[in-house]
Amino acid sequence: MNLKCANGEGKDDSLIYVCHHCAVPICAEHGWVIPADDAFAESETPVARAAMHCGDCAEDFHRGIPRHHQWTAQVPGYAPPVRAYGSS
């Protein structure tokens, strides 16, 4: 099974991410990276990590927070992307 970006264009992409809030498949071109998403913060030692978001969740959960397209090593909290199951 190949996943397609859920941006509405049906774009095939060799690397598909999933929104960390709703798990919708999204490509790096259309997804939003929030460089320091506090959803990963632990109770004793808060840790903010970068996370990929679909457009709706970026707006719903992180309105007004700096964001950008494309996953990049220059993002604080950068971690290598994890391939979605079924993507090639």
C-alpha atoms as a PDB file:
ATOM      1  CA  MET A   1       0.000   0.000   0.000  1.00  0.00           C
ATOM      2  CA  ASN A   2       1.345   3.418  -0.928  1.00  0.00           C
ATOM      3  CA  LEU A   3       0.255   6.443   1.058  1.00  0.00           C
ATOM      4  CA  LYS A   4      -0.538   9.753  -0.605  1.00  0.00           C
ATOM      5  CA  CYS A   5      -0.379  13.235   0.810  1.00  0.00           C
ATOM      6  CA  ALA A   6      -3.772  14.272   2.172  1.00  0.00           C
ATOM      7  CA  ASN A   7      -3.458  17.843   0.888  1.00  0.00           C
ATOM      8  CA  GLY A   8      -6.195  17.204  -1.659  1.00  0.00           C
ATOM      9  CA  GLU A   9      -3.943  17.007  -4.723  1.00  0.00           C
ATOM     10  CA  GLY A  10      -3.354  13.254  -4.401  1.00  0.00           C
ATOM     11  CA  LYS A  11       0.365  13.881  -4.752  1.00  0.00           C
ATOM     12  CA  ASP A  12       2.590  10.801  -4.603  1.00  0.00           C
ATOM     13  CA  ASP A  13       5.709  11.340  -2.540  1.00  0.00           C
ATOM     14  CA  SER A  14       8.424   8.881  -1.635  1.00  0.00           C
ATOM     15  CA  LEU A  15       8.520  10.193   1.927  1.00  0.00           C
ATOM     16  CA  ILE A  16       5.221  10.687   3.717  1.00  0.00           C
ATOM     17  CA  TYR A  17       4.977  11.887   7.293  1.00  0.00           C
ATOM     18  CA  VAL A  18       1.974  11.671   9.572  1.00  0.00           C
ATOM     19  CA  CYS A  19       0.523  14.501  11.610  1.00  0.00           C
ATOM     20  CA  HIS A  20       1.419  13.821  15.212  1.00  0.00           C
ATOM     21  CA  HIS A  21      -2.041  14.946  16.382  1.00  0.00           C
ATOM     22  CA  CYS A  22      -4.424  13.221  13.945  1.00  0.00           C
ATOM     23  CA  ALA A  23      -2.121  10.844  11.980  1.00  0.00           C
ATOM     24  CA  VAL A  24      -3.233  12.093   8.550  1.00  0.00           C
ATOM     25  CA  PRO A  25      -0.530  11.362   5.918  1.00  0.00           C
ATOM     26  CA  ILE A  26       1.211  14.535   4.740  1.00  0.00           C
ATOM     27  CA  CYS A  27       4.259  15.323   2.613  1.00  0.00           C
ATOM     28  CA  ALA A  28       7.022  17.720   3.717  1.00  0.00           C
ATOM     29  CA  GLU A  29       5.899  20.283   1.140  1.00  0.00           C
ATOM     30  CA  HIS A  30       2.381  20.584   2.585  1.00  0.00           C
ATOM     31  CA  GLY A  31       2.932  19.648   6.218  1.00  0.00           C
ATOM     32  CA  TRP A  32       3.945  22.143   8.862  1.00  0.00           C
ATOM     33  CA  VAL A  33       6.879  21.585  11.200  1.00  0.00           C
ATOM     34  CA  ILE A  34       6.471  23.152  14.623  1.00  0.00           C
ATOM     35  CA  PRO A  35      10.110  23.438  15.800  1.00  0.00           C
ATOM     36  CA  ALA A  36       9.368  23.184  19.522  1.00  0.00           C
ATOM     37  CA  ASP A  37       6.139  21.280  20.143  1.00  0.00           C
ATOM     38  CA  ASP A  38       5.543  21.120  23.900  1.00  0.00           C
ATOM     39  CA  ALA A  39       3.270  18.081  23.529  1.00  0.00           C
ATOM     40  CA  PHE A  40       6.385  15.974  24.123  1.00  0.00           C
ATOM     41  CA  ALA A  41       7.133  17.670  27.440  1.00  0.00           C
ATOM     42  CA  GLU A  42       7.507  15.288  30.349  1.00  0.00           C
ATOM     43  CA  SER A  43       6.221  16.189  33.790  1.00  0.00           C
ATOM     44  CA  GLU A  44       9.619  16.414  35.527  1.00  0.00           C
ATOM     45  CA  THR A  45      11.874  17.439  32.635  1.00  0.00           C
ATOM     46  CA  PRO A  46      10.039  19.317  29.860  1.00  0.00           C
ATOM     47  CA  VAL A  47      11.424  18.605  26.396  1.00  0.00           C
ATOM     48  CA  ALA A  48      10.225  20.457  23.318  1.00  0.00           C
ATOM     49  CA  ARG A  49      10.790  18.562  20.056  1.00  0.00           C
ATOM     50  CA  ALA A  50       9.993  19.321  16.449  1.00  0.00           C
ATOM     51  CA  ALA A  51       6.881  17.629  15.071  1.00  0.00           C
ATOM     52  CA  MET A  52       5.089  17.407  11.714  1.00  0.00           C
ATOM     53  CA  HIS A  53       1.494  18.666  11.532  1.00  0.00           C
ATOM     54  CA  CYS A  54      -1.249  18.787   8.944  1.00  0.00           C
ATOM     55  CA  GLY A  55      -2.568  22.285   8.196  1.00  0.00           C
ATOM     56  CA  ASP A  56      -5.681  21.878  10.325  1.00  0.00           C
ATOM     57  CA  CYS A  57      -3.839  20.683  13.437  1.00  0.00           C
ATOM     58  CA  ALA A  58      -1.103  23.309  13.056  1.00  0.00           C
ATOM     59  CA  GLU A  59      -3.846  25.935  13.112  1.00  0.00           C
ATOM     60  CA  ASP A  60      -5.985  24.290  15.817  1.00  0.00           C
ATOM     61  CA  PHE A  61      -3.206  23.474  18.284  1.00  0.00           C
ATOM     62  CA  HIS A  62      -0.401  25.930  17.436  1.00  0.00           C
ATOM     63  CA  ARG A  63      -1.974  29.129  16.140  1.00  0.00           C
ATOM     64  CA  GLY A  64       0.539  31.978  16.177  1.00  0.00           C
ATOM     65  CA  ILE A  65       3.533  29.672  16.752  1.00  0.00           C
ATOM     66  CA  PRO A  66       6.448  29.882  14.264  1.00  0.00           C
ATOM     67  CA  ARG A  67       6.314  27.045  11.731  1.00  0.00           C
ATOM     68  CA  HIS A  68       7.740  26.090   8.367  1.00  0.00           C
ATOM     69  CA  HIS A  69       7.483  23.508   5.606  1.00  0.00           C
ATOM     70  CA  GLN A  70      10.158  20.847   5.021  1.00  0.00           C
ATOM     71  CA  TRP A  71      11.897  18.834   7.711  1.00  0.00           C
ATOM     72  CA  THR A  72      15.419  20.158   8.306  1.00  0.00           C
ATOM     73  CA  ALA A  73      18.432  19.431  10.487  1.00  0.00           C
ATOM     74  CA  GLN A  74      18.549  23.107  11.506  1.00  0.00           C
ATOM     75  CA  VAL A  75      15.331  22.761  13.506  1.00  0.00           C
ATOM     76  CA  PRO A  76      15.830  22.653  17.295  1.00  0.00           C
ATOM     77  CA  GLY A  77      14.778  19.200  18.437  1.00  0.00           C
ATOM     78  CA  TYR A  78      15.421  17.703  14.998  1.00  0.00           C
ATOM     79  CA  ALA A  79      15.099  13.943  14.788  1.00  0.00           C
ATOM     80  CA  PRO A  80      15.399  11.877  11.609  1.00  0.00           C
ATOM     81  CA  PRO A  81      12.005  11.255   9.999  1.00  0.00           C
ATOM     82  CA  VAL A  82      10.271   7.927  10.504  1.00  0.00           C
ATOM     83  CA  ARG A  83       8.807   6.395   7.380  1.00  0.00           C
ATOM     84  CA  ALA A  84       5.090   5.665   7.550  1.00  0.00           C
ATOM     85  CA  TYR A  85       4.254   1.995   7.188  1.00  0.00           C
ATOM     86  CA  GLY A  86       3.591   1.177   3.569  1.00  0.00           C
ATOM     87  CA  SER A  87       5.463   4.111   2.070  1.00  0.00           C
ATOM     88  CA  SER A  88       8.339   3.307  -0.225  1.00  0.00           C
END
